[in-house]
Protein backbone atom coordinates (compact mmCIF):
# COMPACT_ATOMS: atom_id res chain seq x y z
CA UNK A 1 -58.63 -12.62 -73.73
CA UNK A 2 -56.41 -15.63 -73.12
CA UNK A 3 -53.33 -13.80 -74.40
CA UNK A 4 -54.18 -10.86 -72.20
CA UNK A 5 -54.27 -13.10 -69.10
CA UNK A 6 -50.96 -14.70 -70.02
CA UNK A 7 -49.43 -11.27 -70.45
CA UNK A 8 -50.59 -10.21 -66.99
CA UNK A 9 -49.23 -13.42 -65.45
CA UNK A 10 -45.89 -12.99 -67.16
CA UNK A 11 -45.70 -9.42 -65.86
CA UNK A 12 -46.46 -10.55 -62.33
CA UNK A 13 -43.86 -13.31 -62.56
CA UNK A 14 -41.28 -10.84 -63.87
CA UNK A 15 -42.01 -8.44 -61.04
CA UNK A 16 -41.68 -11.25 -58.49
CA UNK A 17 -38.40 -12.46 -60.04
CA UNK A 18 -36.96 -8.95 -60.16
CA UNK A 19 -38.04 -8.36 -56.56
CA UNK A 20 -36.42 -11.61 -55.47
CA UNK A 21 -33.20 -10.64 -57.26
CA UNK A 22 -33.27 -7.20 -55.67
CA UNK A 23 -33.98 -8.67 -52.24
CA UNK A 24 -31.19 -11.22 -52.64
CA UNK A 25 -28.83 -8.45 -53.65
CA UNK A 26 -29.87 -6.36 -50.69
CA UNK A 27 -29.37 -9.28 -48.31
CA UNK A 28 -26.02 -10.09 -49.86
CA UNK A 29 -24.98 -6.46 -49.44
CA UNK A 30 -26.10 -6.48 -45.85
CA UNK A 31 -24.17 -9.68 -45.09
CA UNK A 32 -21.02 -8.87 -47.03
CA UNK A 33 -18.09 -7.94 -44.80
CA UNK A 34 -16.75 -4.43 -45.09
CA UNK A 35 -13.05 -4.06 -45.81
CA UNK A 36 -12.92 -0.34 -45.02
CA UNK A 37 -9.98 0.34 -42.73
CA UNK A 38 -10.37 2.54 -39.64
CA UNK A 39 -8.58 5.87 -39.52
CA UNK A 40 -6.86 4.95 -36.28
CA UNK A 41 -5.33 8.35 -35.53
CA UNK A 42 -8.64 10.12 -35.98
CA UNK A 43 -10.64 7.53 -34.03
CA UNK A 44 -8.29 7.56 -31.05
CA UNK A 45 -7.30 11.21 -31.17
CA UNK A 46 -3.54 10.88 -31.71
CA UNK A 47 -1.28 12.79 -34.04
CA UNK A 48 2.37 13.45 -34.69
CA UNK A 49 4.60 11.90 -32.03
CA UNK A 50 1.75 10.56 -29.90
CA UNK A 51 1.10 6.89 -29.13
CA UNK A 52 -2.00 5.26 -27.72
CA UNK A 53 -1.20 3.28 -24.56
CA UNK A 54 -2.56 -0.23 -24.07
CA UNK A 55 -1.86 -1.42 -20.54
CA UNK A 56 -2.69 -5.06 -19.72
CA UNK A 57 -5.22 -5.09 -22.60
CA UNK A 58 -6.85 -1.84 -21.51
CA UNK A 59 -6.78 1.28 -23.66
CA UNK A 60 -5.72 4.16 -21.39
CA UNK A 61 -6.83 7.77 -21.67
CA UNK A 62 -3.27 9.14 -21.59
CA UNK A 63 -0.69 9.14 -24.41
CA UNK A 64 2.95 8.20 -24.83
CA UNK A 65 5.30 10.47 -26.75
CA UNK A 66 8.19 9.90 -29.13
CA UNK A 67 10.98 12.34 -28.24
CA UNK A 68 14.20 12.12 -30.23
CA UNK A 69 13.64 8.48 -31.04
CA UNK A 70 12.76 7.37 -27.48
CA UNK A 71 9.24 6.64 -26.32
CA UNK A 72 8.23 8.31 -23.06
CA UNK A 73 5.33 7.91 -20.64
CA UNK A 74 4.06 10.37 -18.08
CA UNK A 75 5.89 9.72 -14.82
CA UNK A 76 2.62 9.95 -12.91
CA UNK A 77 1.11 7.20 -15.07
CA UNK A 78 4.16 4.98 -14.57
CA UNK A 79 4.26 5.37 -10.79
CA UNK A 80 0.51 4.85 -10.41
CA UNK A 81 0.20 1.78 -12.63
CA UNK A 82 3.53 0.25 -13.63
CA UNK A 83 6.10 0.71 -10.87
CA UNK A 84 5.19 2.60 -7.69
CA UNK A 85 8.71 2.16 -6.34
CA UNK A 86 9.92 4.85 -8.73
CA UNK A 87 9.71 7.95 -6.53
CA UNK A 88 9.69 11.53 -7.79
CA UNK A 89 10.86 14.31 -5.47
CA UNK A 90 9.28 17.41 -7.00
CA UNK A 91 10.97 19.68 -4.46
CA UNK A 92 14.51 18.67 -5.36
CA UNK A 93 13.85 17.43 -8.91
CA UNK A 94 15.25 13.95 -8.52
CA UNK A 95 13.85 10.55 -9.47
CA UNK A 96 14.75 7.76 -7.04
CA UNK A 97 14.58 3.99 -7.10
CA UNK A 98 15.66 2.40 -3.83
CA UNK A 99 17.57 -0.85 -4.28
CA UNK A 100 18.69 -3.06 -1.37
CA UNK A 101 22.10 -1.36 -1.53
CA UNK A 102 20.82 2.20 -1.71
CA UNK A 103 19.07 4.69 -3.97
CA UNK A 104 19.48 5.02 -7.72
CA UNK A 105 19.05 8.68 -8.70
CA UNK A 106 18.47 10.49 -11.96
CA UNK A 107 17.83 14.14 -12.73
CA UNK A 108 15.89 15.70 -15.63
CA UNK A 109 17.56 16.17 -19.03
CA UNK A 110 20.73 14.26 -18.17
CA UNK A 111 21.90 11.12 -19.97
CA UNK A 112 23.42 9.60 -16.83
CA UNK A 113 22.13 8.26 -13.54
CA UNK A 114 23.78 7.60 -10.19
CA UNK A 115 23.93 4.01 -8.95
CA UNK A 116 24.94 3.17 -5.35
CA UNK A 117 27.01 0.22 -6.59
CA UNK A 118 28.42 1.42 -9.91
CA UNK A 119 28.55 5.20 -9.62
CA UNK A 120 27.63 7.36 -12.63
CA UNK A 121 26.27 5.36 -15.55
CA UNK A 122 25.81 6.60 -19.11
CA UNK A 123 22.56 5.70 -20.89
CA UNK A 124 22.96 7.35 -24.29
CA UNK A 125 19.50 8.86 -23.96
CA UNK A 126 17.69 11.18 -21.56
CA UNK A 127 15.66 9.05 -19.11
CA UNK A 128 13.67 11.93 -17.65
CA UNK A 129 12.37 15.11 -19.22
CA UNK A 130 9.61 17.67 -18.84
CA UNK A 131 6.88 18.25 -21.44
CA UNK A 132 4.41 21.07 -20.80
CA UNK A 133 5.37 21.13 -17.10
CA UNK A 134 4.76 17.39 -16.71
CA UNK A 135 7.54 14.88 -16.13
CA UNK A 136 7.98 12.09 -18.68
CA UNK A 137 10.14 8.99 -18.29
CA UNK A 138 11.68 6.89 -21.06
CA UNK A 139 10.17 3.42 -21.23
CA UNK A 140 13.66 1.94 -21.64
CA UNK A 141 14.58 3.37 -18.24
CA UNK A 142 11.39 1.97 -16.70
CA UNK A 143 12.38 -1.48 -17.96
CA UNK A 144 15.63 -1.35 -15.96
CA UNK A 145 13.62 -1.56 -12.73
CA UNK A 146 10.42 -3.32 -13.72
CA UNK A 147 9.36 -6.80 -14.75
CA UNK A 148 7.34 -5.86 -17.80
CA UNK A 149 6.96 -6.06 -21.55
CA UNK A 150 6.81 -2.66 -23.21
CA UNK A 151 6.67 -2.66 -27.01
CA UNK A 152 6.25 0.32 -29.32
CA UNK A 153 4.53 -0.13 -32.68
CA UNK A 154 4.10 2.34 -35.52
CA UNK A 155 1.67 2.84 -38.40
CA UNK A 156 -0.35 3.44 -36.30
CA UNK A 157 1.53 4.40 -33.12
CA UNK A 158 0.77 2.11 -30.20
CA UNK A 159 2.61 1.41 -26.96
CA UNK A 160 1.73 -1.98 -25.52
CA UNK A 161 2.55 -2.64 -21.87
CA UNK A 162 2.12 -5.86 -19.89
CA UNK A 163 2.81 -6.34 -16.19
CA UNK A 164 0.20 -9.02 -15.45
CA UNK A 165 1.29 -12.64 -15.90
CA UNK A 166 -1.81 -14.38 -14.54
CA UNK A 167 -3.64 -16.93 -16.67
CA UNK A 168 -5.87 -15.22 -19.22
CA UNK A 169 -8.78 -16.33 -21.38
CA UNK A 170 -7.63 -16.83 -24.98
CA UNK A 171 -8.94 -17.88 -28.38
CA UNK A 172 -7.12 -18.93 -31.55
CA UNK A 173 -8.04 -17.59 -34.98
CA UNK A 174 -9.09 -20.61 -37.10
CA UNK A 175 -9.84 -18.72 -40.33
CA UNK A 176 -8.50 -15.44 -41.66
CA UNK A 177 -10.68 -12.58 -40.46
CA UNK A 178 -10.70 -8.94 -39.45
CA UNK A 179 -10.40 -7.40 -36.00
CA UNK A 180 -13.04 -4.69 -36.18
CA UNK A 181 -13.48 -1.41 -34.36
CA UNK A 182 -17.04 -2.42 -33.42
CA UNK A 183 -19.09 -5.61 -33.58
CA UNK A 184 -20.76 -6.20 -36.96
CA UNK A 185 -19.69 -6.99 -40.52
CA UNK A 186 -19.99 -3.35 -41.60
CA UNK A 187 -17.73 -2.04 -38.84
CA UNK A 188 -14.38 -0.59 -39.85
CA UNK A 189 -11.34 -2.84 -39.76
CA UNK A 190 -8.49 -2.36 -37.28
CA UNK A 191 -6.30 -5.01 -38.92
CA UNK A 192 -6.44 -8.46 -40.45
CA UNK A 193 -5.83 -11.47 -38.24
CA UNK A 194 -4.09 -14.62 -39.47
CA UNK A 195 -4.85 -18.28 -38.82
CA UNK A 196 -3.30 -19.44 -35.54
CA UNK A 197 -3.01 -15.99 -33.98
CA UNK A 198 -3.76 -15.92 -30.24
CA UNK A 199 -6.18 -13.27 -29.05
CA UNK A 200 -7.05 -12.27 -25.47
CA UNK A 201 -10.76 -12.56 -24.72
CA UNK A 202 -12.09 -9.44 -23.03
CA UNK A 203 -15.82 -10.19 -23.33
CA UNK A 204 -17.57 -13.14 -24.95
CA UNK A 205 -21.05 -12.57 -23.59
CA UNK A 206 -22.43 -11.26 -26.92
CA UNK A 207 -24.11 -13.35 -29.62
CA UNK A 208 -21.89 -14.08 -32.64
CA UNK A 209 -19.13 -11.58 -31.70
CA UNK A 210 -16.26 -11.57 -29.17
CA UNK A 211 -14.41 -8.55 -27.80
CA UNK A 212 -10.68 -9.25 -28.01
CA UNK A 213 -7.20 -7.78 -27.71
CA UNK A 214 -4.24 -8.69 -29.87
CA UNK A 215 -0.70 -8.97 -28.54
CA UNK A 216 0.28 -5.92 -30.61
CA UNK A 217 -2.33 -3.69 -29.02
CA UNK A 218 -5.44 -3.77 -31.16
CA UNK A 219 -8.65 -3.95 -29.13
CA UNK A 220 -11.76 -4.78 -31.10
CA UNK A 221 -14.24 -7.41 -32.24
CA UNK A 222 -14.09 -10.67 -34.18
CA UNK A 223 -16.95 -12.83 -35.42
CA UNK A 224 -17.27 -16.04 -33.45
CA UNK A 225 -17.37 -18.17 -36.59
CA UNK A 226 -13.71 -17.36 -37.25
CA UNK A 227 -12.30 -18.31 -33.83
CA UNK A 228 -11.97 -21.51 -31.83
CA UNK A 229 -13.12 -22.43 -28.34
CA UNK A 230 -11.78 -20.32 -25.47
CA UNK A 231 -9.04 -21.66 -23.20
CA UNK A 232 -6.78 -20.24 -20.47
CA UNK A 233 -3.08 -19.58 -20.79
CA UNK A 234 -0.55 -17.46 -18.94
CA UNK A 235 1.38 -14.89 -21.01
CA UNK A 236 5.08 -15.55 -21.53
CA UNK A 237 7.02 -13.71 -18.84
CA UNK A 238 10.08 -11.65 -19.71
CA UNK A 239 13.51 -12.41 -18.33
CA UNK A 240 14.07 -9.98 -15.49
CA UNK A 241 16.47 -10.14 -12.58
CA UNK A 242 14.70 -8.21 -9.87
CA UNK A 243 16.07 -6.86 -6.65
CA UNK A 244 15.95 -9.10 -3.60
CA UNK A 245 15.01 -7.24 -0.45
CA UNK A 246 15.79 -9.40 2.55
CA UNK A 247 14.34 -8.96 6.01
CA UNK A 248 15.36 -10.51 9.31
CA UNK A 249 13.24 -12.34 11.85
CA UNK A 250 14.51 -13.63 15.17
CA UNK A 251 14.40 -17.38 15.82
CA UNK A 252 12.08 -16.77 18.78
CA UNK A 253 8.83 -14.96 19.46
CA UNK A 254 9.06 -11.28 20.24
CA UNK A 255 7.92 -10.01 23.64
CA UNK A 256 8.38 -6.26 23.53
CA UNK A 257 7.40 -3.53 25.93
CA UNK A 258 7.41 0.17 25.16
CA UNK A 259 9.07 2.44 27.72
CA UNK A 260 7.98 6.05 27.47
CA UNK A 261 10.80 8.38 28.47
CA UNK A 262 10.59 12.05 27.59
CA UNK A 263 14.00 13.30 28.75
CA UNK A 264 17.50 11.87 28.87
CA UNK A 265 17.38 12.01 32.67
CA UNK A 266 14.28 9.80 32.62
CA UNK A 267 16.41 6.92 31.31
CA UNK A 268 17.55 6.51 34.91
CA UNK A 269 14.12 5.02 35.63
CA UNK A 270 15.14 1.84 33.80
CA UNK A 271 15.84 -0.22 36.92
CA UNK A 272 12.66 0.89 38.66
CA UNK A 273 10.44 0.51 35.57
CA UNK A 274 11.68 -3.00 34.86
CA UNK A 275 12.03 -4.18 38.46
CA UNK A 276 9.06 -6.58 38.24
CA UNK A 277 9.27 -7.32 34.52
CA UNK A 278 9.92 -10.95 33.62
CA UNK A 279 10.07 -12.86 30.38
CA UNK A 280 10.27 -9.90 27.99
CA UNK A 281 13.07 -9.88 25.42
CA UNK A 282 12.78 -6.42 23.81
CA UNK A 283 12.41 -2.96 25.31
CA UNK A 284 11.54 0.03 23.13
CA UNK A 285 12.37 3.39 24.75
CA UNK A 286 10.90 6.49 23.11
CA UNK A 287 14.24 8.01 22.18
CA UNK A 288 14.05 9.58 18.73
CA UNK A 289 11.85 12.38 17.41
CA UNK A 290 12.26 15.32 15.06
CA UNK A 291 14.07 18.41 16.27
CA UNK A 292 12.88 20.53 13.34
CA UNK A 293 11.52 20.30 9.79
CA UNK A 294 15.03 20.07 8.31
CA UNK A 295 15.27 16.43 9.29
CA UNK A 296 17.43 16.96 12.34
CA UNK A 297 16.86 14.38 15.04
CA UNK A 298 16.25 14.83 18.74
CA UNK A 299 17.86 11.92 20.60
CA UNK A 300 17.84 11.09 24.30
CA UNK A 301 19.60 7.73 23.91
CA UNK A 302 22.24 6.63 26.43
CA UNK A 303 24.79 3.81 26.36
CA UNK A 304 24.12 3.01 30.02
CA UNK A 305 20.46 2.18 29.28
CA UNK A 306 21.47 -0.12 26.43
CA UNK A 307 24.05 -1.86 28.60
CA UNK A 308 21.51 -2.50 31.37
CA UNK A 309 18.99 -3.91 28.88
CA UNK A 310 21.60 -6.21 27.41
CA UNK A 311 22.53 -7.41 30.89
CA UNK A 312 18.90 -8.47 31.32
CA UNK A 313 18.97 -10.32 27.99
CA UNK A 314 16.82 -7.70 26.29
CA UNK A 315 17.38 -6.05 22.93
CA UNK A 316 16.79 -2.31 22.58
CA UNK A 317 14.59 -1.28 19.64
CA UNK A 318 14.51 2.49 20.01
CA UNK A 319 11.21 4.12 19.09
CA UNK A 320 11.39 6.88 16.46
CA UNK A 321 8.28 9.08 16.43
CA UNK A 322 7.26 11.95 14.16
CA UNK A 323 6.71 14.29 17.09
CA UNK A 324 8.11 17.82 17.05
CA UNK A 325 9.05 20.17 19.91
CA UNK A 326 6.83 23.10 20.81
CA UNK A 327 8.01 26.63 21.54
CA UNK A 328 9.18 25.46 24.97
CA UNK A 329 11.20 22.62 23.52
CA UNK A 330 8.83 19.93 24.76
CA UNK A 331 7.55 17.31 22.36
CA UNK A 332 4.00 17.84 21.19
CA UNK A 333 1.50 15.04 20.84
CA UNK A 334 0.79 13.47 17.49
CA UNK A 335 -2.24 15.66 16.88
CA UNK A 336 -1.62 17.92 13.91
CA UNK A 337 1.86 16.56 13.13
CA UNK A 338 0.94 15.50 9.60
CA UNK A 339 1.95 18.74 7.86
CA UNK A 340 5.35 19.27 9.54
CA UNK A 341 6.11 15.57 9.04
CA UNK A 342 5.63 15.95 5.31
CA UNK A 343 7.81 19.05 5.38
CA UNK A 344 10.62 16.63 6.18
CA UNK A 345 9.62 13.59 4.17
CA UNK A 346 8.91 15.43 0.90
CA UNK A 347 12.59 16.44 0.57
CA UNK A 348 15.23 13.84 -0.26
CA UNK A 349 18.01 15.75 1.49
CA UNK A 350 15.94 16.03 4.69
CA UNK A 351 15.02 12.34 4.69
CA UNK A 352 18.67 11.43 4.17
CA UNK A 353 19.68 13.74 7.00
CA UNK A 354 17.22 12.08 9.38
CA UNK A 355 18.27 8.57 8.37
CA UNK A 356 21.98 9.36 8.76
CA UNK A 357 21.50 10.82 12.24
CA UNK A 358 19.38 7.92 13.50
CA UNK A 359 21.83 5.32 12.18
CA UNK A 360 24.72 7.22 13.73
CA UNK A 361 22.98 7.16 17.13
CA UNK A 362 22.35 3.42 16.84
CA UNK A 363 26.00 2.82 16.10
CA UNK A 364 27.17 5.12 18.86
CA UNK A 365 25.06 3.55 21.60
CA UNK A 366 24.83 -0.06 20.41
CA UNK A 367 21.08 0.09 19.75
CA UNK A 368 19.75 -3.15 18.27
CA UNK A 369 16.74 -1.90 16.35
CA UNK A 370 14.50 0.95 15.26
CA UNK A 371 10.77 0.95 15.96
CA UNK A 372 9.23 3.51 13.60
CA UNK A 373 6.08 5.07 15.05
CA UNK A 374 4.91 7.72 12.59
CA UNK A 375 1.30 8.67 13.23
CA UNK A 376 -1.19 10.99 11.53
CA UNK A 377 0.40 10.58 8.11
CA UNK A 378 -1.96 12.49 5.86
CA UNK A 379 -4.06 10.52 3.39
CA UNK A 380 -4.44 11.64 -0.25
CA UNK A 381 -7.92 12.94 0.63
CA UNK A 382 -6.62 15.15 3.44
CA UNK A 383 -7.16 18.81 2.44
CA UNK A 384 -3.87 19.74 4.14
CA UNK A 385 -1.96 17.37 1.86
CA UNK A 386 -1.79 19.73 -1.09
CA UNK A 387 0.33 17.41 -3.24
CA UNK A 388 -1.62 14.28 -2.31
CA UNK A 389 1.74 12.57 -1.76
CA UNK A 390 2.23 12.53 2.01
CA UNK A 391 1.69 8.76 2.18
CA UNK A 392 3.99 8.26 -0.83
CA UNK A 393 6.68 10.37 0.83
CA UNK A 394 6.28 8.34 4.01
CA UNK A 395 6.72 4.98 2.29
CA UNK A 396 9.82 6.29 0.51
CA UNK A 397 11.26 7.20 3.91
CA UNK A 398 10.44 3.65 5.05
CA UNK A 399 12.46 2.27 2.11
CA UNK A 400 15.45 4.49 2.76
CA UNK A 401 15.51 3.91 6.52
CA UNK A 402 15.09 0.17 6.01
CA UNK A 403 18.05 -0.06 3.62
CA UNK A 404 20.25 1.91 6.01
CA UNK A 405 19.20 -0.26 8.96
CA UNK A 406 19.88 -3.52 7.16
CA UNK A 407 23.28 -2.34 5.90
CA UNK A 408 24.17 -1.76 9.55
CA UNK A 409 22.60 -4.93 11.01
CA UNK A 410 19.84 -2.99 12.77
CA UNK A 411 16.37 -4.52 13.12
CA UNK A 412 13.69 -2.37 11.50
CA UNK A 413 10.08 -2.48 12.72
CA UNK A 414 7.07 -0.31 11.94
CA UNK A 415 4.06 0.52 14.12
CA UNK A 416 0.66 0.90 12.47
CA UNK A 417 -2.75 1.49 13.90
CA UNK A 418 -5.25 -1.11 12.65
CA UNK A 419 -5.89 -0.99 8.87
CA UNK A 420 -9.39 0.35 9.54
CA UNK A 421 -7.71 3.66 10.45
CA UNK A 422 -4.59 3.57 8.25
CA UNK A 423 -5.35 1.96 4.90
CA UNK A 424 -3.11 4.45 3.08
CA UNK A 425 0.03 3.33 4.97
CA UNK A 426 0.74 0.69 2.26
CA UNK A 427 1.41 -2.45 4.30
CA UNK A 428 2.29 -4.45 1.20
CA UNK A 429 5.29 -2.21 0.62
CA UNK A 430 6.09 -2.09 4.33
CA UNK A 431 6.19 -5.87 4.27
CA UNK A 432 8.96 -5.77 1.66
CA UNK A 433 11.17 -3.51 3.75
CA UNK A 434 10.32 -4.07 7.44
CA UNK A 435 11.46 -6.99 9.59
CA UNK A 436 8.30 -6.80 11.68
CA UNK A 437 5.03 -4.89 11.50
CA UNK A 438 3.50 -4.00 14.85
CA UNK A 439 -0.26 -3.56 15.05
CA UNK A 440 -1.19 -0.93 17.61
CA UNK A 441 -4.33 -2.86 18.44
CA UNK A 442 -5.95 -0.27 20.66
CA UNK A 443 -7.63 3.15 20.76
CA UNK A 444 -10.88 1.66 19.48
CA UNK A 445 -12.45 4.29 21.73
CA UNK A 446 -10.05 7.15 22.14
CA UNK A 447 -9.21 10.04 24.41
CA UNK A 448 -11.65 12.88 23.99
CA UNK A 449 -14.08 10.69 22.07
CA UNK A 450 -17.80 11.17 22.50
CA UNK A 451 -18.54 7.45 22.33
CA UNK A 452 -17.81 5.30 25.37
CA UNK A 453 -16.43 1.79 25.03
CA UNK A 454 -13.40 -0.47 25.37
CA UNK A 455 -9.89 0.54 24.38
CA UNK A 456 -9.47 -2.78 22.58
CA UNK A 457 -12.40 -5.18 22.37
CA UNK A 458 -11.48 -8.65 21.19
CA UNK A 459 -13.45 -8.21 17.96
CA UNK A 460 -11.60 -5.00 17.19
CA UNK A 461 -8.25 -6.65 17.87
CA UNK A 462 -9.04 -9.69 15.74
CA UNK A 463 -10.21 -7.56 12.85
CA UNK A 464 -6.94 -5.62 13.05
CA UNK A 465 -5.01 -8.89 12.83
CA UNK A 466 -7.01 -10.42 9.98
CA UNK A 467 -7.07 -7.17 8.00
CA UNK A 468 -3.28 -6.95 8.33
CA UNK A 469 -2.78 -10.57 7.27
CA UNK A 470 -5.12 -10.03 4.33
CA UNK A 471 -2.76 -7.37 2.95
CA UNK A 472 -0.19 -10.12 2.41
CA UNK A 473 1.91 -9.68 5.54
CA UNK A 474 2.78 -13.14 6.92
CA UNK A 475 1.92 -13.96 10.52
CA UNK A 476 5.63 -14.55 11.17
CA UNK A 477 6.20 -10.80 10.77
CA UNK A 478 3.16 -9.50 12.67
CA UNK A 479 3.50 -8.38 16.29
CA UNK A 480 0.25 -7.42 18.00
CA UNK A 481 0.35 -4.45 20.35
CA UNK A 482 -1.85 -4.57 23.45
CA UNK A 483 -2.78 -1.83 25.95
CA UNK A 484 -2.08 -1.75 29.66
CA UNK A 485 -4.37 1.26 30.16
CA UNK A 486 -8.10 1.75 30.63
CA UNK A 487 -10.16 4.75 29.64
CA UNK A 488 -13.25 5.85 31.55
CA UNK A 489 -16.28 7.97 30.76
CA UNK A 490 -18.88 9.61 32.92
CA UNK A 491 -22.39 10.93 32.43
CA UNK A 492 -23.46 14.11 34.20
CA UNK A 493 -26.44 16.41 33.77
CA UNK A 494 -25.09 17.52 30.40
CA UNK A 495 -24.59 14.03 29.02
CA UNK A 496 -21.67 11.67 28.26
CA UNK A 497 -18.12 12.99 28.67
CA UNK A 498 -14.62 11.55 28.43
CA UNK A 499 -13.06 11.18 31.87
CA UNK A 500 -9.46 10.12 31.41
CA UNK A 501 -7.00 7.25 31.44
CA UNK A 502 -6.12 4.85 34.25
CA UNK A 503 -3.47 2.21 34.83
CA UNK A 504 -4.50 -1.38 35.53
CA UNK A 505 -4.19 -0.91 39.29
CA UNK A 506 -5.92 2.49 39.27
CA UNK A 507 -8.90 1.15 37.34
CA UNK A 508 -9.20 -1.85 39.66
CA UNK A 509 -8.98 0.54 42.63
CA UNK A 510 -11.86 2.66 41.32
CA UNK A 511 -14.07 -0.43 41.12
CA UNK A 512 -12.98 -1.73 44.54
CA UNK A 513 -13.46 1.60 46.31
CA UNK A 514 -17.05 1.70 45.05
CA UNK A 515 -17.73 -1.95 45.99
CA UNK A 516 -18.33 -2.91 42.37
CA UNK A 517 -17.61 -6.38 40.98
CA UNK A 518 -16.45 -6.24 37.34
CA UNK A 519 -18.73 -8.04 34.88
CA UNK A 520 -16.98 -10.14 32.23
CA UNK A 521 -18.21 -9.41 28.70
CA UNK A 522 -17.20 -12.46 26.72
CA UNK A 523 -18.17 -10.97 23.34
CA UNK A 524 -15.83 -8.03 24.00
CA UNK A 525 -13.10 -9.82 25.93
CA UNK A 526 -13.02 -7.29 28.79
CA UNK A 527 -14.49 -6.69 32.22
CA UNK A 528 -17.09 -3.94 32.46
CA UNK A 529 -17.54 -1.64 35.47
CA UNK A 530 -20.11 1.04 36.15
CA UNK A 531 -20.73 2.95 39.36
CA UNK A 532 -22.00 6.24 40.72
CA UNK A 533 -19.13 8.45 41.82
CA UNK A 534 -18.99 10.71 44.87
CA UNK A 535 -19.82 13.59 42.55
CA UNK A 536 -23.10 11.92 41.56
CA UNK A 537 -21.96 11.17 38.02
CA UNK A 538 -22.29 7.70 36.50
CA UNK A 539 -18.90 6.23 35.52
CA UNK A 540 -18.13 3.46 33.01
CA UNK A 541 -14.95 1.49 32.37
CA UNK A 542 -14.02 -1.45 30.15
CA UNK A 543 -11.01 -2.83 32.01
CA UNK A 544 -7.74 -3.71 30.32
CA UNK A 545 -6.69 -6.09 33.08
CA UNK A 546 -4.87 -9.43 33.22
CA UNK A 547 -8.02 -11.26 32.11
CA UNK A 548 -8.32 -9.03 29.03
CA UNK A 549 -4.61 -9.50 28.31
CA UNK A 550 -5.02 -13.27 28.49
CA UNK A 551 -7.86 -13.14 25.97
CA UNK A 552 -5.65 -11.17 23.58
CA UNK A 553 -2.73 -13.55 24.12
CA UNK A 554 -5.01 -16.43 23.15
CA UNK A 555 -5.71 -14.60 19.90
CA UNK A 556 -2.01 -14.01 19.25
CA UNK A 557 -1.40 -17.73 19.77
CA UNK A 558 -4.38 -18.68 17.61
CA UNK A 559 -3.00 -16.75 14.63
CA UNK A 560 0.60 -17.81 15.40
CA UNK A 561 1.80 -14.22 15.27
CA UNK A 562 5.42 -13.20 15.70
CA UNK A 563 4.79 -11.87 19.18
CA UNK A 564 3.33 -9.19 21.39
CA UNK A 565 4.19 -5.61 22.29
CA UNK A 566 2.79 -3.76 25.30
CA UNK A 567 2.01 -0.07 25.78
CA UNK A 568 3.41 0.83 28.23
CA UNK A 569 5.75 0.19 31.15
CA UNK A 570 4.36 1.51 34.44
CA UNK A 571 0.70 0.96 33.59
CA UNK A 572 0.68 -2.78 34.19
CA UNK A 573 -0.17 -4.97 37.12
CA UNK A 574 2.88 -7.17 37.78
CA UNK A 575 0.80 -10.35 37.31
CA UNK A 576 0.51 -9.55 33.60
CA UNK A 577 4.06 -10.75 32.86
CA UNK A 578 3.20 -14.26 33.96
CA UNK A 579 0.11 -14.25 31.73
CA UNK A 580 2.16 -13.23 28.70
CA UNK A 581 4.83 -15.86 29.41
CA UNK A 582 2.14 -18.51 29.76
CA UNK A 583 1.31 -18.07 26.07
CA UNK A 584 4.76 -17.09 24.78
CA UNK A 585 7.32 -18.88 27.01
């Protein structure tokens, strides 16, 4: 019996020992690190001449291609993420980069490009080619115009691009380990990492594992036990001599007034229009518009007007609008001009034609500056903008006109409605090329609108200023435009309706004739008037008078802007000039 008990005990002990051994083996297997290497091509869906693209430590969903020993990227990907100043004209099949001296041009499937300073230059490779009806650009050509690191690796094929030089979170490898496709010891290996290697930290919020990127383009996971504490460090920047675009600012504040003239004969109104004007140093007559969609310019400039302005100590910055003539030859309003405007701006030859004609007029008549007032530029979401490039075409025109102006010592300024309305106008790029940016700080409530209110409440104006400054434009280049006109609304038996526009004196006359004292609205920075008209309708006005102008001038002074511009001559009360000079002597 005793031997039988001992036998049972020995059996139990053996079972326990064998179970412990099996369990230990299982646990060891579970904790052992897999050395199985990932099939990179299969995992990332590349084959043949394709490369994955890693841009600033982010794996992109598009691919680079090896073509005859050169690595190419889609032109669309390059212009959207790497260098937006590379401009593709799909209508005339030319790639343009605008330098301060002019435009560099290259055409598909040629080994040369045209430089404004050096003429035709041989590359020894094709910088631009089409693959399956999509344009591709050689990365070596991109590097000529871009501060970037672009490195191609093989086995497996990876293209690693860096354009961001901000400080980044890093870790050092302290013990040899694997960068894995996923977190966990059984995950497949991307590659081995050596002691001392620096890795970018993409996410360290997980227990025991950190998501990292290597400098050669592997993005994966490492176990925390193999890496040191995180620290910040800026990537080494490449040597790159960029292009210096210089702009010009006057050594005094700008006090500009727009002068709307619609015919050459109307220039004779100069003396009358400026008879009571004092203190202003720039006049901007509305002289240039489009004659047609071939880029021909309609000009009503005269040398006599320029001479008279100069005699008064005023510069002439001629306004160039994107208006077109109607069937009677009269300029149409800005409504609906977006499509014909892009018919000009989407063709390089038409843009160049327009620029050449405007510059020629400036030289002929001694014009000091151009004030570009292109309105209703279509946004990428506009259904009429079939290519989605109207705003891109516009900013390319800005570059080309700017370069031509500066080569000819002509001041170049751009008008923009407040950013709230025109976010797609790319003020950051305008800032590079324009001497001044003018905020058209009005039309908060607009002609034909169904909502009554001020043309330019002080809150609206201030938001326009701060939004513009927040895009990176310095105050020393920002001119704020103010209105001299008032809009009025009336309510009849059918409801609220837009009434029309009034000058300062007209609006004051309406209030006076109805024995109404304007009520100052401090939160809006305007005087408010309401009265019952002779027709029984109830009228409302938010007056743009001298008091409203003073409030806006205080804001211009507060933000130390470059100056003021006024729309328009003939709508003002003469006392307004003294108010402006009080704040900008």
